[in-house]
Amino acid sequence: MTSTFPSTPIQIRGLTKTYPNGYKALNGVNLDIPMGMFGLLGPNGAGKSSLMRTIATLQEATEGTIQWGDINVLEEKVKLRQVLGYLPQSFGVYPGVSAEKLLDHFAALKGITNGKERKELVKHLLNQVNLYEARDRAVSGFSGGMRQRFGIAQALVGDPRLVIVDEPTAGLDPAERVRFLNLLSEISERAAIILSTHIVEDVSELCPQMAVLIAGEIRATGQPNAMMDQLAGKVWRIQLKRDQLPSYEANYQVLSTRFFMGDIIARIYSKADPGPGFEVVEPDLEDVYFCVMKQIPALPLNVTATTPTSVS
């Protein structure tokens, strides 16, 4: 089953979502999501799931628009769903139903009525996610990684051209995480994939474009490498004793800390050499993330490879 889709970015303008209890999960989101792999990074509670569910037409927006080529997403929900694959943060399955039968059921729900075609599709998808040998096992008994791979298989039914995955690697062991991310990377060659996560490594390893969402607002967008380049020469590291940390937090813009052999390794943001004991280090995407999180004015809103290197 082949679908067509626009080559233009998904354009989100002024998107707001306020729930009946008055909580504003999204506050005027403006965002362009291109083809390929796109990372949406933000802490838990930032509004990522609300944004994903709104794009997936699973909930109404309070204000704003989402346009994808000639598809008005908020008004033409059926048209969008015809090219959509969606893997939510968590999903339930029927107890005792095998992977093969459950995937066949999802394919039938997607409108694939030809039994032979459906059987071939199910076999292809289970092979693609490396679950064919487990096709007769109940999905309810799968490990976390196997269940996520099954989730991707169901999201790929109907050859979607937009795939949304919400916190897909949370709770996976390292081997399952790598396997899952490699699968997403393969799929991104023929579809637009939105990877919503709070795990920085997922974005840094996969996504040529990204955005940071905090408190319902887009705080930064751009190319991860270009964003890291903006911090070149401005991230410093120092090893401290535990009782020294409060003083350093009061006097420096501390980005992150971690324990190391009983001491603390602190990374700070500073345009100039902060003094004795500090060494300048290569910035990583986690430094970018914490700069945005802590509202350190080190990055412009939109960062691309052609953005000037000067920083306000």
C-alpha atoms as a PDB file:
ATOM      1  CA  MET A   1       0.000   0.000   0.000  1.00  0.00           C
ATOM      2  CA  THR A   2       1.711   3.182  -1.196  1.00  0.00           C
ATOM      3  CA  SER A   3       0.946   6.692  -0.004  1.00  0.00           C
ATOM      4  CA  THR A   4       2.112  10.064  -1.219  1.00  0.00           C
ATOM      5  CA  PHE A   5       3.081  12.966   0.947  1.00  0.00           C
ATOM      6  CA  PRO A   6       4.295  16.538   0.599  1.00  0.00           C
ATOM      7  CA  SER A   7       8.025  17.262   0.442  1.00  0.00           C
ATOM      8  CA  THR A   8       7.466  20.545   2.274  1.00  0.00           C
ATOM      9  CA  PRO A   9       7.937  20.792   6.063  1.00  0.00           C
ATOM     10  CA  ILE A  10       5.049  20.416   8.473  1.00  0.00           C
ATOM     11  CA  GLN A  11       4.308  24.018   9.423  1.00  0.00           C
ATOM     12  CA  ILE A  12       2.991  24.661  12.937  1.00  0.00           C
ATOM     13  CA  ARG A  13       1.919  28.192  13.737  1.00  0.00           C
ATOM     14  CA  GLY A  14       0.608  29.651  16.999  1.00  0.00           C
ATOM     15  CA  LEU A  15      -0.371  26.239  18.355  1.00  0.00           C
ATOM     16  CA  THR A  16      -1.906  26.405  21.814  1.00  0.00           C
ATOM     17  CA  LYS A  17      -3.481  23.662  23.899  1.00  0.00           C
ATOM     18  CA  THR A  18      -5.312  24.486  27.118  1.00  0.00           C
ATOM     19  CA  TYR A  19      -6.969  21.610  28.967  1.00  0.00           C
ATOM     20  CA  PRO A  20     -10.376  21.913  30.699  1.00  0.00           C
ATOM     21  CA  ASN A  21      -8.685  22.322  34.098  1.00  0.00           C
ATOM     22  CA  GLY A  22      -6.990  25.469  32.791  1.00  0.00           C
ATOM     23  CA  TYR A  23      -3.522  23.946  32.337  1.00  0.00           C
ATOM     24  CA  LYS A  24      -1.818  25.355  29.224  1.00  0.00           C
ATOM     25  CA  ALA A  25       0.338  22.548  27.830  1.00  0.00           C
ATOM     26  CA  LEU A  26       1.270  24.379  24.612  1.00  0.00           C
ATOM     27  CA  ASN A  27       1.697  28.123  24.360  1.00  0.00           C
ATOM     28  CA  GLY A  28       1.936  29.555  20.837  1.00  0.00           C
ATOM     29  CA  VAL A  29       4.204  26.890  19.330  1.00  0.00           C
ATOM     30  CA  ASN A  30       5.792  27.853  15.983  1.00  0.00           C
ATOM     31  CA  LEU A  31       7.780  25.069  14.362  1.00  0.00           C
ATOM     32  CA  ASP A  32       8.762  23.675  10.944  1.00  0.00           C
ATOM     33  CA  ILE A  33       9.339  19.909  10.864  1.00  0.00           C
ATOM     34  CA  PRO A  34      11.221  18.744   7.739  1.00  0.00           C
ATOM     35  CA  MET A  35      11.579  15.353   6.104  1.00  0.00           C
ATOM     36  CA  GLY A  36      13.825  12.758   7.712  1.00  0.00           C
ATOM     37  CA  MET A  37      14.501  12.453  11.417  1.00  0.00           C
ATOM     38  CA  PHE A  38      13.476  15.396  13.602  1.00  0.00           C
ATOM     39  CA  GLY A  39      14.179  15.466  17.336  1.00  0.00           C
ATOM     40  CA  LEU A  40      11.852  17.132  19.814  1.00  0.00           C
ATOM     41  CA  LEU A  41      13.778  17.423  23.051  1.00  0.00           C
ATOM     42  CA  GLY A  42      12.411  18.521  26.396  1.00  0.00           C
ATOM     43  CA  PRO A  43      12.007  17.489  30.036  1.00  0.00           C
ATOM     44  CA  ASN A  44       9.067  15.485  31.306  1.00  0.00           C
ATOM     45  CA  GLY A  45       6.039  17.762  31.499  1.00  0.00           C
ATOM     46  CA  ALA A  46       7.318  20.118  28.782  1.00  0.00           C
ATOM     47  CA  GLY A  47       4.307  19.499  26.540  1.00  0.00           C
ATOM     48  CA  LYS A  48       5.939  17.051  24.120  1.00  0.00           C
ATOM     49  CA  SER A  49       3.157  14.450  24.324  1.00  0.00           C
ATOM     50  CA  SER A  50       0.515  17.162  23.971  1.00  0.00           C
ATOM     51  CA  LEU A  51       2.221  18.390  20.801  1.00  0.00           C
ATOM     52  CA  MET A  52       2.578  14.855  19.398  1.00  0.00           C
ATOM     53  CA  ARG A  53      -1.038  13.999  20.137  1.00  0.00           C
ATOM     54  CA  THR A  54      -2.208  17.205  18.492  1.00  0.00           C
ATOM     55  CA  ILE A  55      -0.155  16.593  15.348  1.00  0.00           C
ATOM     56  CA  ALA A  56      -1.473  13.014  15.299  1.00  0.00           C
ATOM     57  CA  THR A  57      -5.070  14.390  15.394  1.00  0.00           C
ATOM     58  CA  LEU A  58      -5.802  12.617  18.683  1.00  0.00           C
ATOM     59  CA  GLN A  59      -6.796  15.817  20.432  1.00  0.00           C
ATOM     60  CA  GLU A  60      -8.072  19.235  19.411  1.00  0.00           C
ATOM     61  CA  ALA A  61      -5.940  22.353  19.548  1.00  0.00           C
ATOM     62  CA  THR A  62      -7.232  25.397  21.389  1.00  0.00           C
ATOM     63  CA  GLU A  63      -5.677  27.783  18.865  1.00  0.00           C
ATOM     64  CA  GLY A  64      -3.297  27.698  15.916  1.00  0.00           C
ATOM     65  CA  THR A  65      -2.752  25.812  12.680  1.00  0.00           C
ATOM     66  CA  ILE A  66      -0.829  22.794  11.385  1.00  0.00           C
ATOM     67  CA  GLN A  67      -0.287  22.667   7.627  1.00  0.00           C
ATOM     68  CA  TRP A  68       1.501  19.924   5.658  1.00  0.00           C
ATOM     69  CA  GLY A  69       1.493  20.666   1.968  1.00  0.00           C
ATOM     70  CA  ASP A  70      -2.177  20.816   1.012  1.00  0.00           C
ATOM     71  CA  ILE A  71      -3.268  19.024   4.212  1.00  0.00           C
ATOM     72  CA  ASN A  72      -4.836  21.206   6.891  1.00  0.00           C
ATOM     73  CA  VAL A  73      -4.043  18.782   9.699  1.00  0.00           C
ATOM     74  CA  LEU A  74      -6.485  20.151  12.257  1.00  0.00           C
ATOM     75  CA  GLU A  75      -9.357  20.259   9.772  1.00  0.00           C
ATOM     76  CA  GLU A  76      -8.595  17.232   7.565  1.00  0.00           C
ATOM     77  CA  LYS A  77      -7.877  14.592  10.187  1.00  0.00           C
ATOM     78  CA  VAL A  78      -8.770  11.599   8.007  1.00  0.00           C
ATOM     79  CA  LYS A  79      -6.442  12.789   5.252  1.00  0.00           C
ATOM     80  CA  LEU A  80      -3.564  13.057   7.716  1.00  0.00           C
ATOM     81  CA  ARG A  81      -4.306   9.679   9.312  1.00  0.00           C
ATOM     82  CA  GLN A  82      -4.017   7.985   5.921  1.00  0.00           C
ATOM     83  CA  VAL A  83      -0.282   8.741   5.907  1.00  0.00           C
ATOM     84  CA  LEU A  84       0.365   8.580   9.664  1.00  0.00           C
ATOM     85  CA  GLY A  85       2.104   6.026  11.838  1.00  0.00           C
ATOM     86  CA  TYR A  86       2.039   6.664  15.581  1.00  0.00           C
ATOM     87  CA  LEU A  87       3.831   5.029  18.500  1.00  0.00           C
ATOM     88  CA  PRO A  88       2.633   6.587  21.780  1.00  0.00           C
ATOM     89  CA  GLN A  89       4.681   6.675  24.963  1.00  0.00           C
ATOM     90  CA  SER A  90       2.855   3.581  26.195  1.00  0.00           C
ATOM     91  CA  PHE A  91       0.293   1.336  24.562  1.00  0.00           C
ATOM     92  CA  GLY A  92      -1.791  -1.626  25.628  1.00  0.00           C
ATOM     93  CA  VAL A  93      -2.164  -4.964  23.877  1.00  0.00           C
ATOM     94  CA  TYR A  94      -4.688  -7.785  23.962  1.00  0.00           C
ATOM     95  CA  PRO A  95      -3.592 -10.444  26.517  1.00  0.00           C
ATOM     96  CA  GLY A  96      -2.528 -13.717  24.966  1.00  0.00           C
ATOM     97  CA  VAL A  97      -2.704 -12.565  21.329  1.00  0.00           C
ATOM     98  CA  SER A  98       0.350 -13.392  19.227  1.00  0.00           C
ATOM     99  CA  ALA A  99       2.407 -10.749  17.458  1.00  0.00           C
ATOM    100  CA  GLU A 100       1.397 -12.122  14.067  1.00  0.00           C
ATOM    101  CA  LYS A 101      -2.339 -12.114  14.796  1.00  0.00           C
ATOM    102  CA  LEU A 102      -2.287  -8.714  16.462  1.00  0.00           C
ATOM    103  CA  LEU A 103      -0.371  -7.109  13.621  1.00  0.00           C
ATOM    104  CA  ASP A 104      -2.751  -8.720  11.129  1.00  0.00           C
ATOM    105  CA  HIS A 105      -5.622  -7.178  13.086  1.00  0.00           C
ATOM    106  CA  PHE A 106      -4.015  -3.720  12.937  1.00  0.00           C
ATOM    107  CA  ALA A 107      -3.467  -4.110   9.196  1.00  0.00           C
ATOM    108  CA  ALA A 108      -7.142  -4.969   8.714  1.00  0.00           C
ATOM    109  CA  LEU A 109      -8.112  -1.884  10.722  1.00  0.00           C
ATOM    110  CA  LYS A 110      -5.869   0.179   8.438  1.00  0.00           C
ATOM    111  CA  GLY A 111      -7.988  -0.947   5.478  1.00  0.00           C
ATOM    112  CA  ILE A 112      -5.833  -3.724   4.030  1.00  0.00           C
ATOM    113  CA  THR A 113      -8.651  -6.129   3.202  1.00  0.00           C
ATOM    114  CA  ASN A 114      -6.844  -8.524   0.868  1.00  0.00           C
ATOM    115  CA  GLY A 115      -5.864 -11.489   3.024  1.00  0.00           C
ATOM    116  CA  LYS A 116      -2.850 -12.535   0.958  1.00  0.00           C
ATOM    117  CA  GLU A 117      -1.532  -8.969   0.785  1.00  0.00           C
ATOM    118  CA  ARG A 118      -2.047  -8.563   4.519  1.00  0.00           C
ATOM    119  CA  LYS A 119      -0.214 -11.803   5.315  1.00  0.00           C
ATOM    120  CA  GLU A 120       2.766 -10.765   3.195  1.00  0.00           C
ATOM    121  CA  LEU A 121       2.818  -7.324   4.811  1.00  0.00           C
ATOM    122  CA  VAL A 122       2.738  -8.776   8.335  1.00  0.00           C
ATOM    123  CA  LYS A 123       5.624 -11.105   7.502  1.00  0.00           C
ATOM    124  CA  HIS A 124       7.625  -8.234   5.979  1.00  0.00           C
ATOM    125  CA  LEU A 125       7.093  -5.935   8.958  1.00  0.00           C
ATOM    126  CA  LEU A 126       7.911  -8.586  11.563  1.00  0.00           C
ATOM    127  CA  ASN A 127      11.117  -9.347   9.668  1.00  0.00           C
ATOM    128  CA  GLN A 128      11.929  -5.646   9.460  1.00  0.00           C
ATOM    129  CA  VAL A 129      11.718  -5.233  13.235  1.00  0.00           C
ATOM    130  CA  ASN A 130      13.452  -8.563  13.885  1.00  0.00           C
ATOM    131  CA  LEU A 131      10.407 -10.195  15.477  1.00  0.00           C
ATOM    132  CA  TYR A 132       9.498 -12.832  12.925  1.00  0.00           C
ATOM    133  CA  GLU A 133      10.960 -15.657  15.018  1.00  0.00           C
ATOM    134  CA  ALA A 134       8.743 -14.477  17.895  1.00  0.00           C
ATOM    135  CA  ARG A 135       5.603 -14.150  15.735  1.00  0.00           C
ATOM    136  CA  ASP A 136       3.703 -16.847  17.654  1.00  0.00           C
ATOM    137  CA  ARG A 137       4.454 -15.366  21.067  1.00  0.00           C
ATOM    138  CA  ALA A 138       1.971 -13.137  22.891  1.00  0.00           C
ATOM    139  CA  VAL A 139       2.944  -9.466  22.676  1.00  0.00           C
ATOM    140  CA  SER A 140       1.847  -9.055  26.302  1.00  0.00           C
ATOM    141  CA  GLY A 141       4.810 -11.255  27.269  1.00  0.00           C
ATOM    142  CA  PHE A 142       7.402  -9.347  25.249  1.00  0.00           C
ATOM    143  CA  SER A 143      10.294  -7.476  26.830  1.00  0.00           C
ATOM    144  CA  GLY A 144      10.216  -3.693  26.747  1.00  0.00           C
ATOM    145  CA  GLY A 145      12.457  -3.527  23.690  1.00  0.00           C
ATOM    146  CA  MET A 146      10.511  -6.200  21.820  1.00  0.00           C
ATOM    147  CA  ARG A 147       7.251  -4.431  22.572  1.00  0.00           C
ATOM    148  CA  GLN A 148       8.652  -1.129  21.274  1.00  0.00           C
ATOM    149  CA  ARG A 149       9.780  -2.861  18.078  1.00  0.00           C
ATOM    150  CA  PHE A 150       6.310  -4.321  17.708  1.00  0.00           C
ATOM    151  CA  GLY A 151       4.959  -0.801  18.235  1.00  0.00           C
ATOM    152  CA  ILE A 152       7.058   0.432  15.329  1.00  0.00           C
ATOM    153  CA  ALA A 153       5.801  -2.461  13.189  1.00  0.00           C
ATOM    154  CA  GLN A 154       2.186  -1.441  13.795  1.00  0.00           C
ATOM    155  CA  ALA A 155       3.100   2.202  13.156  1.00  0.00           C
ATOM    156  CA  LEU A 156       4.500   1.216   9.744  1.00  0.00           C
ATOM    157  CA  VAL A 157       1.339  -0.515   8.553  1.00  0.00           C
ATOM    158  CA  GLY A 158       0.130   1.206   5.396  1.00  0.00           C
ATOM    159  CA  ASP A 159       3.553   2.618   4.455  1.00  0.00           C
ATOM    160  CA  PRO A 160       3.108   5.913   6.372  1.00  0.00           C
ATOM    161  CA  ARG A 161       4.899   9.069   5.343  1.00  0.00           C
ATOM    162  CA  LEU A 162       4.739  10.656   8.784  1.00  0.00           C
ATOM    163  CA  VAL A 163       5.825   8.597  11.797  1.00  0.00           C
ATOM    164  CA  ILE A 164       5.535   9.975  15.333  1.00  0.00           C
ATOM    165  CA  VAL A 165       7.310   8.198  18.194  1.00  0.00           C
ATOM    166  CA  ASP A 166       6.865   9.495  21.739  1.00  0.00           C
ATOM    167  CA  GLU A 167       9.618   8.662  24.281  1.00  0.00           C
ATOM    168  CA  PRO A 168      10.401   5.399  22.460  1.00  0.00           C
ATOM    169  CA  THR A 169      13.637   4.429  24.245  1.00  0.00           C
ATOM    170  CA  ALA A 170      12.680   5.172  27.852  1.00  0.00           C
ATOM    171  CA  GLY A 171      13.291   2.017  29.889  1.00  0.00           C
ATOM    172  CA  LEU A 172      15.120   0.085  27.157  1.00  0.00           C
ATOM    173  CA  ASP A 173      18.411  -1.627  27.883  1.00  0.00           C
ATOM    174  CA  PRO A 174      21.433  -0.336  25.879  1.00  0.00           C
ATOM    175  CA  ALA A 175      21.349  -3.104  23.257  1.00  0.00           C
ATOM    176  CA  GLU A 176      17.610  -2.727  22.634  1.00  0.00           C
ATOM    177  CA  ARG A 177      17.985   1.041  22.468  1.00  0.00           C
ATOM    178  CA  VAL A 178      20.672   0.831  19.774  1.00  0.00           C
ATOM    179  CA  ARG A 179      18.622  -1.683  17.792  1.00  0.00           C
ATOM    180  CA  PHE A 180      15.529   0.485  18.016  1.00  0.00           C
ATOM    181  CA  LEU A 181      17.324   3.699  17.006  1.00  0.00           C
ATOM    182  CA  ASN A 182      18.950   1.968  14.036  1.00  0.00           C
ATOM    183  CA  LEU A 183      15.493   0.903  12.881  1.00  0.00           C
ATOM    184  CA  LEU A 184      14.200   4.478  13.127  1.00  0.00           C
ATOM    185  CA  SER A 185      17.189   5.696  11.146  1.00  0.00           C
ATOM    186  CA  GLU A 186      16.390   3.267   8.326  1.00  0.00           C
ATOM    187  CA  ILE A 187      12.755   4.372   8.223  1.00  0.00           C
ATOM    188  CA  SER A 188      13.728   8.074   8.117  1.00  0.00           C
ATOM    189  CA  GLU A 189      15.123   7.596   4.610  1.00  0.00           C
ATOM    190  CA  ARG A 190      11.581   7.440   3.228  1.00  0.00           C
ATOM    191  CA  ALA A 191       9.415   9.255   5.784  1.00  0.00           C
ATOM    192  CA  ALA A 192       9.268  12.214   8.113  1.00  0.00           C
ATOM    193  CA  ILE A 193       9.881  10.961  11.650  1.00  0.00           C
ATOM    194  CA  ILE A 194       9.277  13.010  14.787  1.00  0.00           C
ATOM    195  CA  LEU A 195      11.260  11.611  17.713  1.00  0.00           C
ATOM    196  CA  SER A 196       9.955  13.082  20.966  1.00  0.00           C
ATOM    197  CA  THR A 197      12.237  12.408  23.918  1.00  0.00           C
ATOM    198  CA  HIS A 198      13.922  13.744  27.048  1.00  0.00           C
ATOM    199  CA  ILE A 199      17.030  11.643  26.316  1.00  0.00           C
ATOM    200  CA  VAL A 200      19.678  13.891  24.764  1.00  0.00           C
ATOM    201  CA  GLU A 201      21.706  11.019  23.305  1.00  0.00           C
ATOM    202  CA  ASP A 202      18.774   9.862  21.164  1.00  0.00           C
ATOM    203  CA  VAL A 203      18.683  13.226  19.404  1.00  0.00           C
ATOM    204  CA  SER A 204      22.446  13.739  19.132  1.00  0.00           C
ATOM    205  CA  GLU A 205      22.941  10.343  17.495  1.00  0.00           C
ATOM    206  CA  LEU A 206      20.059  10.452  15.019  1.00  0.00           C
ATOM    207  CA  CYS A 207      18.576  13.833  14.237  1.00  0.00           C
ATOM    208  CA  PRO A 208      19.974  16.352  11.742  1.00  0.00           C
ATOM    209  CA  GLN A 209      17.305  18.830  12.893  1.00  0.00           C
ATOM    210  CA  MET A 210      15.854  19.386  16.355  1.00  0.00           C
ATOM    211  CA  ALA A 211      13.878  21.679  18.636  1.00  0.00           C
ATOM    212  CA  VAL A 212      13.821  22.164  22.391  1.00  0.00           C
ATOM    213  CA  LEU A 213      10.383  22.453  23.985  1.00  0.00           C
ATOM    214  CA  ILE A 214      10.148  23.755  27.551  1.00  0.00           C
ATOM    215  CA  ALA A 215       6.989  24.727  29.451  1.00  0.00           C
ATOM    216  CA  GLY A 216       4.923  24.506  26.273  1.00  0.00           C
ATOM    217  CA  GLU A 217       7.153  26.842  24.255  1.00  0.00           C
ATOM    218  CA  ILE A 218       9.834  26.270  21.608  1.00  0.00           C
ATOM    219  CA  ARG A 219      13.023  27.710  23.104  1.00  0.00           C
ATOM    220  CA  ALA A 220      15.519  26.708  20.381  1.00  0.00           C
ATOM    221  CA  THR A 221      15.566  25.018  16.984  1.00  0.00           C
ATOM    222  CA  GLY A 222      18.264  24.070  14.529  1.00  0.00           C
ATOM    223  CA  GLN A 223      20.987  21.600  13.647  1.00  0.00           C
ATOM    224  CA  PRO A 224      22.589  19.880  16.656  1.00  0.00           C
ATOM    225  CA  ASN A 225      26.152  20.303  15.343  1.00  0.00           C
ATOM    226  CA  ALA A 226      25.594  23.997  14.622  1.00  0.00           C
ATOM    227  CA  MET A 227      24.086  24.480  18.072  1.00  0.00           C
ATOM    228  CA  MET A 228      27.133  22.878  19.674  1.00  0.00           C
ATOM    229  CA  ASP A 229      29.398  25.085  17.531  1.00  0.00           C
ATOM    230  CA  GLN A 230      27.719  28.126  19.064  1.00  0.00           C
ATOM    231  CA  LEU A 231      29.147  27.073  22.437  1.00  0.00           C
ATOM    232  CA  ALA A 232      32.708  26.410  21.217  1.00  0.00           C
ATOM    233  CA  GLY A 233      35.204  27.891  23.667  1.00  0.00           C
ATOM    234  CA  LYS A 234      32.476  28.702  26.184  1.00  0.00           C
ATOM    235  CA  VAL A 235      32.058  25.408  28.093  1.00  0.00           C
ATOM    236  CA  TRP A 236      34.477  24.744  30.947  1.00  0.00           C
ATOM    237  CA  ARG A 237      35.025  21.844  33.305  1.00  0.00           C
ATOM    238  CA  ILE A 238      36.319  21.657  36.855  1.00  0.00           C
ATOM    239  CA  GLN A 239      36.630  18.923  39.476  1.00  0.00           C
ATOM    240  CA  LEU A 240      35.277  19.909  42.894  1.00  0.00           C
ATOM    241  CA  LYS A 241      34.754  18.560  46.359  1.00  0.00           C
ATOM    242  CA  ARG A 242      31.097  18.233  47.295  1.00  0.00           C
ATOM    243  CA  ASP A 243      31.176  21.086  49.790  1.00  0.00           C
ATOM    244  CA  GLN A 244      32.554  23.444  47.106  1.00  0.00           C
ATOM    245  CA  LEU A 245      29.587  23.039  44.779  1.00  0.00           C
ATOM    246  CA  PRO A 246      27.173  25.561  46.411  1.00  0.00           C
ATOM    247  CA  SER A 247      29.764  28.322  46.088  1.00  0.00           C
ATOM    248  CA  TYR A 248      30.402  27.546  42.431  1.00  0.00           C
ATOM    249  CA  GLU A 249      26.684  27.405  41.711  1.00  0.00           C
ATOM    250  CA  ALA A 250      26.317  30.861  43.242  1.00  0.00           C
ATOM    251  CA  ASN A 251      29.198  32.388  41.257  1.00  0.00           C
ATOM    252  CA  TYR A 252      29.110  30.596  37.881  1.00  0.00           C
ATOM    253  CA  GLN A 253      26.556  29.519  35.299  1.00  0.00           C
ATOM    254  CA  VAL A 254      26.703  25.795  36.077  1.00  0.00           C
ATOM    255  CA  LEU A 255      25.266  23.691  33.261  1.00  0.00           C
ATOM    256  CA  SER A 256      25.534  20.219  34.777  1.00  0.00           C
ATOM    257  CA  THR A 257      27.252  18.166  37.441  1.00  0.00           C
ATOM    258  CA  ARG A 258      28.114  14.516  37.854  1.00  0.00           C
ATOM    259  CA  PHE A 259      29.851  12.425  40.478  1.00  0.00           C
ATOM    260  CA  PHE A 260      33.344  11.088  39.781  1.00  0.00           C
ATOM    261  CA  MET A 261      35.253   8.983  42.322  1.00  0.00           C
ATOM    262  CA  GLY A 262      33.739  10.840  45.263  1.00  0.00           C
ATOM    263  CA  ASP A 263      34.200  14.288  43.709  1.00  0.00           C
ATOM    264  CA  ILE A 264      31.975  16.321  41.411  1.00  0.00           C
ATOM    265  CA  ILE A 265      32.707  17.226  37.804  1.00  0.00           C
ATOM    266  CA  ALA A 266      30.973  20.516  36.987  1.00  0.00           C
ATOM    267  CA  ARG A 267      30.505  21.983  33.511  1.00  0.00           C
ATOM    268  CA  ILE A 268      29.882  25.705  33.333  1.00  0.00           C
ATOM    269  CA  TYR A 269      29.133  28.285  30.645  1.00  0.00           C
ATOM    270  CA  SER A 270      31.476  31.263  30.402  1.00  0.00           C
ATOM    271  CA  LYS A 271      32.553  33.440  27.479  1.00  0.00           C
ATOM    272  CA  ALA A 272      35.915  34.107  29.147  1.00  0.00           C
ATOM    273  CA  ASP A 273      38.339  31.937  31.114  1.00  0.00           C
ATOM    274  CA  PRO A 274      36.624  31.545  34.518  1.00  0.00           C
ATOM    275  CA  GLY A 275      39.911  31.189  36.383  1.00  0.00           C
ATOM    276  CA  PRO A 276      42.318  28.641  37.942  1.00  0.00           C
ATOM    277  CA  GLY A 277      41.304  24.999  37.888  1.00  0.00           C
ATOM    278  CA  PHE A 278      39.028  25.257  34.855  1.00  0.00           C
ATOM    279  CA  GLU A 279      39.728  23.663  31.488  1.00  0.00           C
ATOM    280  CA  VAL A 280      37.856  24.424  28.291  1.00  0.00           C
ATOM    281  CA  VAL A 281      36.068  21.374  26.826  1.00  0.00           C
ATOM    282  CA  GLU A 282      34.348  20.446  23.610  1.00  0.00           C
ATOM    283  CA  PRO A 283      30.638  21.258  23.977  1.00  0.00           C
ATOM    284  CA  ASP A 284      28.103  18.483  23.510  1.00  0.00           C
ATOM    285  CA  LEU A 285      24.368  18.504  22.944  1.00  0.00           C
ATOM    286  CA  GLU A 286      23.717  18.106  26.659  1.00  0.00           C
ATOM    287  CA  ASP A 287      25.472  21.450  27.194  1.00  0.00           C
ATOM    288  CA  VAL A 288      23.180  22.992  24.571  1.00  0.00           C
ATOM    289  CA  TYR A 289      20.154  21.474  26.279  1.00  0.00           C
ATOM    290  CA  PHE A 290      21.074  22.805  29.710  1.00  0.00           C
ATOM    291  CA  CYS A 291      21.870  26.262  28.302  1.00  0.00           C
ATOM    292  CA  VAL A 292      18.344  26.362  26.925  1.00  0.00           C
ATOM    293  CA  MET A 293      16.816  24.814  30.059  1.00  0.00           C
ATOM    294  CA  LYS A 294      18.511  27.341  32.346  1.00  0.00           C
ATOM    295  CA  GLN A 295      17.718  30.220  29.980  1.00  0.00           C
ATOM    296  CA  ILE A 296      21.380  31.153  29.565  1.00  0.00           C
ATOM    297  CA  PRO A 297      21.397  33.579  26.603  1.00  0.00           C
ATOM    298  CA  ALA A 298      24.010  31.654  24.651  1.00  0.00           C
ATOM    299  CA  LEU A 299      21.985  30.554  21.616  1.00  0.00           C
ATOM    300  CA  PRO A 300      19.785  32.327  19.086  1.00  0.00           C
ATOM    301  CA  LEU A 301      16.309  30.842  18.649  1.00  0.00           C
ATOM    302  CA  ASN A 302      17.139  29.235  15.311  1.00  0.00           C
ATOM    303  CA  VAL A 303      20.591  27.768  14.682  1.00  0.00           C
ATOM    304  CA  THR A 304      21.775  26.395  11.326  1.00  0.00           C
ATOM    305  CA  ALA A 305      25.160  25.698   9.843  1.00  0.00           C
ATOM    306  CA  THR A 306      25.119  29.097   8.160  1.00  0.00           C
ATOM    307  CA  THR A 307      24.305  31.036  11.339  1.00  0.00           C
ATOM    308  CA  PRO A 308      27.093  33.504  12.293  1.00  0.00           C
ATOM    309  CA  THR A 309      29.216  32.258  15.170  1.00  0.00           C
ATOM    310  CA  SER A 310      28.820  35.403  17.260  1.00  0.00           C
ATOM    311  CA  VAL A 311      26.638  34.927  20.323  1.00  0.00           C
ATOM    312  CA  SER A 312      24.773  37.586  22.209  1.00  0.00           C
END
